[in-house]
Amino acid sequence: MRHWWILQALLFRTVWGIGCDVGDAIEAIFAGDGQYRGASIAAIDLIASTPEVTVVWDDGSSSHLVVSFSDAKKQGESCESIVTYGLSWSVTIGQPSNLIVTHLGEDLTTDARLLITDQSKTCGSLSATQSLSVSSPPQAPIGSVDLVFYDVEVDTPGAYKLCFWSGQSVNGMDASHVASYATAIGMLVAVDTTTTTITTTTSMVPYSRRRGRTYTSASLTVNGSQGAFLSGLTVNPAQWNSHFPWDRRQTCRKCRADSVGSNAGDSPRRERQRIVGPLVVELPSEGCDVDGKIAQPYAPSTILMVARGRCTFEQKALMAAQRGFKGLLVVDYALQDAMLPDMAPKAAFQGEIVPAWAVPQDEAQDVAHLNGANSLLIAAVEDLELKPSIFTSSSDQFGPRNNAEK
């Protein structure tokens, strides 16, 4: 089962000061005499119980180099970190994961980079290179306020340190220089487990993945920007998903483009598609009307969740495509222990549609709860194996079918 990052603890601070970054000229209190002196920031440590900076004093002093953020000022204002305080992540080893970094500075862009080094290393030191246990390191992020680093993979259990570079060059250094990554933003824990879990700061009742039905051809995870996540959600792919992906290289990673009709309906295929991006929850809307509804994506792939009813599944997928979404989740009438519909199109598609999945009502309610407690949801939905089309009331290796158009 594929898992995403698990945000275990997130502490938000009110921003009263100004964003301070490595390389910035500041004034800081010199502990020897309690007076402010000119300095520049050499490193930042947000993992410390009290966030702190390491400085280089303008007068060359080699004493009292570690200073609390509360004792540093830039342009006359108190220093604050340009990224959120208190981040901690956990990932499942051998599984692609997505890490989110939320920033407070207005100038932080997708030039920012993330490095995963061993726990014993100091971010910014020449020895703090990318850990050998990271088989798929963080690449360029996607996003605006929330920077999403996609498909990070760690192969060895253990604790690692996350080092961050804001993208602003210091002394000519860039992403190729280890010394650029001199901001320690949190710890990453890699675990060897596939247990379905909910971790949240809000009251949410845990649930178990649906039993007695075979819906393992697809998977869905949803992560909240403020600490909660849902893993192992139940989804049933629409029949037309077997025709995807089309030419969607901008939004579907690790996919092969296929045209409609290129695969026989009775031939199971193991190529898979994966859509990752912000989740827009519009419940209780059925998603049948496009007027006045414009998608506001944070990343190229944006997924829509609507309720079943009022129009056909295909019409919902058409409306989602017209609004710029790349995937669709349809909440079923039934609860978790009932059969989900195999959403079927009409004889011929009436236009461009998007891949779609049916979700049980009670699990969707958990997603809606998560949506109300977080400023942003990121979802990853994937067809692990494309299901062949068979007659309704029939069964195959994926379980019983209930073909339905609406």
Protein backbone atom coordinates (compact mmCIF):
# COMPACT_ATOMS: atom_id res chain seq x y z
CA MET A 1 0.00 0.00 0.00
CA ARG A 2 1.38 3.39 -0.99
CA HIS A 3 1.72 5.93 1.79
CA TRP A 4 2.37 9.63 1.80
CA TRP A 5 4.21 11.74 4.30
CA ILE A 6 2.68 11.74 7.77
CA LEU A 7 2.76 15.12 9.44
CA GLN A 8 3.06 14.28 13.11
CA ALA A 9 3.40 17.65 14.80
CA LEU A 10 2.83 21.15 13.52
CA LEU A 11 3.20 24.26 15.65
CA PHE A 12 2.17 27.58 14.14
CA ARG A 13 3.53 30.89 15.35
CA THR A 14 2.07 34.32 14.84
CA VAL A 15 4.34 36.37 12.61
CA TRP A 16 5.17 39.67 14.28
CA GLY A 17 8.63 40.15 12.82
CA ILE A 18 10.38 39.88 9.50
CA GLY A 19 11.59 36.81 7.64
CA CYS A 20 15.27 36.10 8.25
CA ASP A 21 17.26 33.75 6.00
CA VAL A 22 20.78 32.37 5.85
CA GLY A 23 23.13 35.09 4.60
CA ASP A 24 20.99 37.98 5.87
CA ALA A 25 22.61 40.90 7.68
CA ILE A 26 21.10 41.24 11.14
CA GLU A 27 21.68 42.66 14.58
CA ALA A 28 21.81 40.20 17.48
CA ILE A 29 22.33 40.34 21.21
CA PHE A 30 25.89 39.38 22.14
CA ALA A 31 25.47 37.29 25.31
CA GLY A 32 28.78 38.57 26.71
CA ASP A 33 27.51 42.09 27.28
CA GLY A 34 23.79 41.96 26.40
CA GLN A 35 24.24 44.52 23.61
CA TYR A 36 23.17 44.32 19.97
CA ARG A 37 26.00 43.79 17.47
CA GLY A 38 26.06 43.53 13.71
CA ALA A 39 26.25 40.01 12.27
CA SER A 40 25.21 37.78 9.38
CA ILE A 41 23.28 34.50 9.62
CA ALA A 42 25.40 31.41 8.92
CA ALA A 43 22.80 28.75 9.85
CA ILE A 44 19.28 28.35 11.22
CA ASP A 45 18.02 25.56 13.49
CA LEU A 46 14.25 25.16 13.77
CA ILE A 47 14.56 21.73 15.41
CA ALA A 48 15.90 23.23 18.63
CA SER A 49 13.39 23.66 21.46
CA THR A 50 13.84 27.40 20.99
CA PRO A 51 14.52 28.25 17.30
CA GLU A 52 17.96 29.77 16.94
CA VAL A 53 20.48 31.13 14.49
CA THR A 54 24.22 30.71 14.21
CA VAL A 55 25.88 34.02 13.36
CA VAL A 56 29.16 35.45 12.13
CA TRP A 57 29.87 38.63 14.09
CA ASP A 58 30.92 41.63 12.04
CA ASP A 59 33.72 42.40 14.50
CA GLY A 60 35.19 38.89 14.13
CA SER A 61 34.35 37.67 17.62
CA SER A 62 34.35 33.88 17.96
CA SER A 63 32.21 33.81 21.13
CA HIS A 64 28.46 33.39 21.64
CA LEU A 65 27.78 32.40 18.03
CA VAL A 66 24.41 30.75 18.72
CA VAL A 67 21.62 33.28 19.20
CA SER A 68 17.89 32.84 19.81
CA PHE A 69 15.54 34.18 17.14
CA SER A 70 14.06 36.39 19.83
CA ASP A 71 17.47 38.06 20.22
CA ALA A 72 17.92 38.83 16.51
CA LYS A 73 16.61 41.74 14.45
CA LYS A 74 16.60 42.56 10.76
CA GLN A 75 15.94 46.09 9.60
CA GLY A 76 14.86 46.93 13.12
CA GLU A 77 12.24 44.14 13.35
CA SER A 78 12.39 40.85 15.23
CA CYS A 79 13.53 37.86 13.18
CA GLU A 80 11.12 35.10 12.23
CA SER A 81 11.82 32.00 10.16
CA ILE A 82 10.64 32.10 6.55
CA VAL A 83 9.35 28.52 6.94
CA THR A 84 6.90 27.15 9.48
CA TYR A 85 8.23 26.10 12.86
CA GLY A 86 7.96 22.60 14.31
CA LEU A 87 7.62 20.34 11.27
CA SER A 88 8.12 16.59 11.66
CA TRP A 89 7.42 13.91 9.08
CA SER A 90 7.23 10.13 8.82
CA VAL A 91 7.29 8.01 5.65
CA THR A 92 7.02 4.32 4.87
CA ILE A 93 10.27 2.87 3.55
CA GLY A 94 10.32 1.97 -0.12
CA GLN A 95 7.17 3.99 -0.83
CA PRO A 96 7.12 7.28 -2.80
CA SER A 97 6.10 10.07 -0.44
CA ASN A 98 5.32 13.76 -0.81
CA LEU A 99 6.68 16.32 1.65
CA ILE A 100 5.01 19.69 2.16
CA VAL A 101 6.88 22.76 3.38
CA THR A 102 4.73 25.75 4.34
CA HIS A 103 6.48 29.09 4.23
CA LEU A 104 5.87 32.47 5.80
CA GLY A 105 8.07 34.62 3.59
CA GLU A 106 6.67 36.40 0.57
CA ASP A 107 9.76 35.85 -1.56
CA LEU A 108 10.11 32.08 -1.23
CA THR A 109 9.64 30.40 -4.62
CA THR A 110 9.88 26.99 -6.25
CA ASP A 111 13.64 27.58 -6.50
CA ALA A 112 13.72 26.27 -2.92
CA ARG A 113 15.20 22.81 -2.34
CA LEU A 114 15.16 20.13 0.35
CA LEU A 115 17.96 17.77 1.39
CA ILE A 116 17.65 14.65 3.59
CA THR A 117 20.79 13.94 5.55
CA ASP A 118 21.69 11.63 8.44
CA GLN A 119 20.44 12.56 11.89
CA SER A 120 23.95 13.15 13.25
CA LYS A 121 24.84 15.74 10.60
CA THR A 122 24.61 19.52 10.91
CA CYS A 123 22.69 21.20 8.10
CA GLY A 124 25.03 23.37 6.05
CA SER A 125 28.20 21.47 6.96
CA LEU A 126 30.16 19.86 4.13
CA SER A 127 29.46 16.40 5.55
CA ALA A 128 25.67 16.91 5.49
CA THR A 129 25.16 15.37 2.06
CA GLN A 130 22.06 13.56 0.84
CA SER A 131 21.76 10.31 2.79
CA LEU A 132 22.62 7.14 0.89
CA SER A 133 19.34 5.68 2.16
CA VAL A 134 17.39 8.18 0.02
CA SER A 135 16.87 6.40 -3.31
CA SER A 136 14.63 9.15 -4.72
CA PRO A 137 15.71 12.54 -3.33
CA PRO A 138 13.51 15.66 -3.26
CA GLN A 139 13.40 17.49 -6.58
CA ALA A 140 12.04 20.94 -7.45
CA PRO A 141 8.79 21.57 -5.55
CA ILE A 142 5.42 22.57 -6.95
CA GLY A 143 3.14 25.08 -5.26
CA SER A 144 2.90 28.60 -3.95
CA VAL A 145 2.40 28.99 -0.20
CA ASP A 146 2.63 25.22 0.26
CA LEU A 147 5.67 23.75 -1.50
CA VAL A 148 5.10 20.08 -2.36
CA PHE A 149 8.17 17.90 -2.93
CA TYR A 150 6.91 14.90 -4.90
CA ASP A 151 7.88 11.21 -4.91
CA VAL A 152 10.58 11.21 -2.23
CA GLU A 153 11.66 7.68 -1.33
CA VAL A 154 13.71 6.39 1.62
CA ASP A 155 14.79 2.73 1.73
CA THR A 156 16.19 2.29 5.25
CA PRO A 157 14.26 2.70 8.53
CA GLY A 158 15.57 5.39 10.84
CA ALA A 159 15.58 9.09 11.68
CA TYR A 160 16.89 11.68 9.22
CA LYS A 161 17.35 15.43 9.28
CA LEU A 162 15.64 17.74 6.77
CA CYS A 163 17.86 20.58 5.54
CA PHE A 164 16.31 23.44 3.57
CA TRP A 165 17.58 26.01 1.09
CA SER A 166 15.33 28.97 0.30
CA GLY A 167 16.66 29.42 -3.24
CA GLN A 168 18.42 32.70 -2.42
CA SER A 169 22.10 32.53 -3.34
CA VAL A 170 24.58 33.20 -0.54
CA ASN A 171 28.15 33.96 -1.60
CA GLY A 172 27.40 32.54 -5.04
CA MET A 173 26.28 29.16 -3.71
CA ASP A 174 23.28 27.38 -5.22
CA ALA A 175 21.48 24.03 -5.03
CA SER A 176 24.66 22.15 -5.95
CA HIS A 177 26.43 23.35 -2.80
CA VAL A 178 25.78 21.41 0.40
CA ALA A 179 26.54 24.56 2.39
CA SER A 180 23.42 26.19 0.90
CA TYR A 181 21.21 23.84 2.93
CA ALA A 182 21.98 25.51 6.26
CA THR A 183 18.43 25.63 7.63
CA ALA A 184 17.34 22.59 9.69
CA ILE A 185 13.53 22.50 9.45
CA GLY A 186 12.65 19.15 11.01
CA MET A 187 13.17 15.43 11.39
CA LEU A 188 12.05 12.73 8.98
CA VAL A 189 11.30 9.26 10.37
CA ALA A 190 11.26 6.33 7.94
CA VAL A 191 9.25 3.37 9.23
CA ASP A 192 8.69 -0.16 7.99
CA THR A 193 4.91 -0.45 8.21
CA THR A 194 1.79 -0.42 6.06
CA THR A 195 -0.72 -0.01 8.90
CA THR A 196 -3.73 2.16 8.13
CA THR A 197 -3.54 5.04 10.59
CA ILE A 198 -5.06 8.40 11.36
CA THR A 199 -2.97 11.02 13.14
CA THR A 200 -4.71 14.29 13.88
CA THR A 201 -4.94 17.16 16.30
CA THR A 202 -8.74 17.17 15.96
CA SER A 203 -11.30 14.65 17.18
CA MET A 204 -11.68 12.07 14.41
CA VAL A 205 -12.86 8.48 14.77
CA PRO A 206 -10.41 5.99 13.22
CA TYR A 207 -11.83 3.44 10.83
CA SER A 208 -10.60 0.22 9.25
CA ARG A 209 -10.27 -0.36 5.55
CA ARG A 210 -13.30 -2.09 4.07
CA ARG A 211 -13.21 -5.84 4.61
CA GLY A 212 -14.76 -8.61 2.57
CA ARG A 213 -14.62 -6.64 -0.72
CA THR A 214 -11.75 -6.52 -3.16
CA TYR A 215 -11.02 -2.90 -4.05
CA THR A 216 -7.26 -3.16 -3.98
CA SER A 217 -6.89 -2.14 -7.64
CA ALA A 218 -6.78 1.51 -6.51
CA SER A 219 -5.63 3.54 -3.51
CA LEU A 220 -6.30 6.98 -2.06
CA THR A 221 -4.57 9.00 0.64
CA VAL A 222 -5.46 12.51 1.82
CA ASN A 223 -3.15 14.76 3.84
CA GLY A 224 -4.00 17.97 5.65
CA SER A 225 -1.68 20.96 5.85
CA GLN A 226 -2.20 21.23 9.62
CA GLY A 227 -1.21 17.77 10.76
CA ALA A 228 -3.92 15.17 10.01
CA PHE A 229 -3.87 12.50 7.34
CA LEU A 230 -6.07 9.68 6.05
CA SER A 231 -4.41 6.59 4.61
CA GLY A 232 -5.78 3.48 2.90
CA LEU A 233 -9.08 5.05 1.83
CA THR A 234 -11.36 2.85 -0.27
CA VAL A 235 -11.86 3.83 -3.91
CA ASN A 236 -13.32 2.03 -6.92
CA PRO A 237 -12.09 3.21 -10.36
CA ALA A 238 -14.53 4.16 -13.10
CA GLN A 239 -14.74 1.83 -16.09
CA TRP A 240 -13.34 4.54 -18.36
CA ASN A 241 -10.12 4.67 -16.33
CA SER A 242 -8.92 1.74 -18.43
CA HIS A 243 -8.60 4.21 -21.32
CA PHE A 244 -6.31 6.50 -19.36
CA PRO A 245 -3.89 8.06 -19.22
CA TRP A 246 -4.26 10.07 -22.36
CA ASP A 247 -1.56 12.58 -23.21
CA ARG A 248 -1.35 14.08 -19.70
CA ARG A 249 2.39 14.29 -19.20
CA GLN A 250 2.09 17.60 -17.36
CA THR A 251 -0.07 16.13 -14.62
CA CYS A 252 0.47 12.39 -14.45
CA ARG A 253 3.92 11.21 -13.44
CA LYS A 254 5.24 7.80 -14.46
CA CYS A 255 2.38 7.29 -16.91
CA ARG A 256 2.20 6.04 -20.47
CA ALA A 257 -0.12 7.84 -22.89
CA ASP A 258 -2.73 5.56 -24.50
CA SER A 259 -5.60 6.35 -26.83
CA VAL A 260 -9.17 5.27 -26.23
CA GLY A 261 -9.71 1.77 -27.54
CA SER A 262 -6.03 0.84 -27.48
CA ASN A 263 -6.65 -1.94 -24.96
CA ALA A 264 -9.14 -4.74 -25.21
CA GLY A 265 -11.96 -4.62 -22.65
CA ASP A 266 -11.36 -8.20 -21.55
CA SER A 267 -7.58 -7.88 -21.10
CA PRO A 268 -6.36 -6.77 -17.68
CA ARG A 269 -3.43 -4.34 -17.82
CA ARG A 270 -0.91 -3.51 -15.14
CA GLU A 271 0.18 -0.06 -16.29
CA ARG A 272 -0.93 2.42 -13.69
CA GLN A 273 -1.70 6.08 -13.35
CA ARG A 274 -1.25 8.34 -10.37
CA ILE A 275 -2.67 11.80 -9.80
CA VAL A 276 -1.32 13.91 -6.97
CA GLY A 277 -2.44 17.41 -6.05
CA PRO A 278 -4.72 19.65 -3.99
CA LEU A 279 -8.18 18.23 -3.24
CA VAL A 280 -11.20 20.53 -3.61
CA VAL A 281 -14.17 19.23 -1.57
CA GLU A 282 -17.52 20.58 -2.80
CA LEU A 283 -19.89 18.36 -0.82
CA PRO A 284 -22.89 18.25 -0.84
CA SER A 285 -22.75 19.53 -4.44
CA GLU A 286 -23.18 16.86 -7.14
CA GLY A 287 -20.83 18.64 -9.56
CA CYS A 288 -23.37 18.80 -12.40
CA ASP A 289 -23.10 22.54 -13.10
CA VAL A 290 -20.03 24.38 -14.34
CA ASP A 291 -21.35 27.97 -14.30
CA GLY A 292 -19.59 30.19 -11.80
CA LYS A 293 -17.26 27.46 -10.58
CA ILE A 294 -13.62 27.94 -11.43
CA ALA A 295 -10.85 25.67 -10.22
CA GLN A 296 -8.14 27.33 -8.16
CA PRO A 297 -5.29 24.81 -8.38
CA TYR A 298 -2.23 25.08 -6.16
CA ALA A 299 -0.40 22.63 -8.44
CA PRO A 300 -0.93 21.32 -12.00
CA SER A 301 -2.96 18.33 -10.75
CA THR A 302 -6.12 19.24 -8.84
CA ILE A 303 -8.74 16.70 -7.75
CA LEU A 304 -12.45 17.39 -7.19
CA MET A 305 -14.75 15.59 -4.73
CA VAL A 306 -18.53 15.76 -5.30
CA ALA A 307 -21.62 13.76 -4.31
CA ARG A 308 -23.40 11.12 -6.38
CA GLY A 309 -26.77 12.05 -7.90
CA ARG A 310 -28.69 14.41 -10.22
CA CYS A 311 -26.58 13.67 -13.31
CA THR A 312 -24.59 10.78 -14.73
CA PHE A 313 -21.09 9.91 -13.61
CA GLU A 314 -19.85 10.78 -17.10
CA GLN A 315 -21.44 14.24 -16.91
CA LYS A 316 -19.67 14.86 -13.62
CA ALA A 317 -16.36 13.89 -15.23
CA LEU A 318 -17.12 16.21 -18.17
CA MET A 319 -17.85 19.14 -15.84
CA ALA A 320 -14.70 18.45 -13.85
CA ALA A 321 -12.62 18.46 -17.04
CA GLN A 322 -14.17 21.76 -18.20
CA ARG A 323 -13.25 23.34 -14.88
CA GLY A 324 -9.62 22.27 -15.19
CA PHE A 325 -9.55 19.41 -12.69
CA LYS A 326 -7.42 16.35 -13.47
CA GLY A 327 -9.29 13.77 -11.38
CA LEU A 328 -12.73 13.21 -9.83
CA LEU A 329 -13.90 11.52 -6.62
CA VAL A 330 -17.63 10.72 -6.45
CA VAL A 331 -19.10 10.04 -3.02
CA ASP A 332 -21.53 7.12 -3.08
CA TYR A 333 -24.90 6.96 -1.30
CA ALA A 334 -23.81 3.80 0.51
CA LEU A 335 -21.62 3.42 3.57
CA GLN A 336 -18.34 1.58 3.86
CA ASP A 337 -19.60 -2.02 3.95
CA ALA A 338 -21.73 -1.75 0.78
CA MET A 339 -20.62 -2.37 -2.80
CA LEU A 340 -19.33 0.67 -4.65
CA PRO A 341 -20.57 1.23 -8.21
CA ASP A 342 -18.35 0.54 -11.22
CA MET A 343 -19.04 3.90 -12.82
CA ALA A 344 -19.84 3.23 -16.48
CA PRO A 345 -19.96 5.67 -19.41
CA LYS A 346 -22.49 5.66 -22.22
CA ALA A 347 -21.67 3.94 -25.50
CA ALA A 348 -19.40 6.79 -26.58
CA PHE A 349 -17.81 9.63 -24.64
CA GLN A 350 -19.47 12.99 -25.23
CA GLY A 351 -16.26 14.96 -24.80
CA GLU A 352 -13.08 15.12 -22.75
CA ILE A 353 -13.48 13.55 -19.33
CA VAL A 354 -11.13 12.91 -16.42
CA PRO A 355 -10.32 9.70 -14.51
CA ALA A 356 -12.80 9.10 -11.69
CA TRP A 357 -13.20 6.98 -8.58
CA ALA A 358 -16.15 6.14 -6.31
CA VAL A 359 -15.72 6.67 -2.55
CA PRO A 360 -17.94 5.29 0.27
CA GLN A 361 -19.98 7.88 2.13
CA ASP A 362 -18.55 7.37 5.60
CA GLU A 363 -14.92 7.64 4.44
CA ALA A 364 -15.84 10.77 2.46
CA GLN A 365 -17.25 12.24 5.67
CA ASP A 366 -13.83 11.80 7.26
CA VAL A 367 -12.30 13.65 4.30
CA ALA A 368 -14.89 16.45 4.70
CA HIS A 369 -14.01 16.64 8.41
CA LEU A 370 -10.34 16.92 7.48
CA ASN A 371 -11.18 19.62 4.95
CA GLY A 372 -12.86 21.73 7.62
CA ALA A 373 -9.83 21.54 9.91
CA ASN A 374 -7.11 22.31 7.33
CA SER A 375 -6.35 25.17 4.98
CA LEU A 376 -5.21 22.73 2.27
CA LEU A 377 -5.72 19.06 1.45
CA ILE A 378 -3.34 17.12 -0.79
CA ALA A 379 -4.64 13.84 -2.26
CA ALA A 380 -2.90 11.00 -4.08
CA VAL A 381 -5.15 8.65 -6.02
CA GLU A 382 -3.79 5.79 -8.06
CA ASP A 383 -4.97 2.86 -10.16
CA LEU A 384 -2.60 0.14 -9.06
CA GLU A 385 -4.03 -2.15 -11.73
CA LEU A 386 -6.55 -1.24 -14.43
CA LYS A 387 -9.77 -3.25 -14.15
CA PRO A 388 -11.30 -4.92 -17.24
CA SER A 389 -14.93 -4.25 -18.12
CA ILE A 390 -17.29 -7.12 -17.31
CA PHE A 391 -21.06 -7.50 -17.05
CA THR A 392 -22.86 -6.17 -14.01
CA SER A 393 -23.59 -8.68 -11.23
CA SER A 394 -20.48 -10.59 -12.33
CA SER A 395 -17.25 -11.12 -10.44
CA ASP A 396 -13.58 -11.39 -11.27
CA GLN A 397 -10.29 -11.07 -9.39
CA PHE A 398 -11.32 -7.51 -8.40
CA GLY A 399 -14.60 -8.61 -6.81
CA PRO A 400 -18.28 -8.24 -7.76
CA ARG A 401 -19.36 -5.52 -10.18
CA ASN A 402 -22.25 -3.09 -10.11
CA ASN A 403 -22.09 -1.19 -13.40
CA ALA A 404 -24.00 2.09 -13.15
CA GLU A 405 -24.27 5.27 -15.23
CA LYS A 406 -25.54 7.54 -12.44
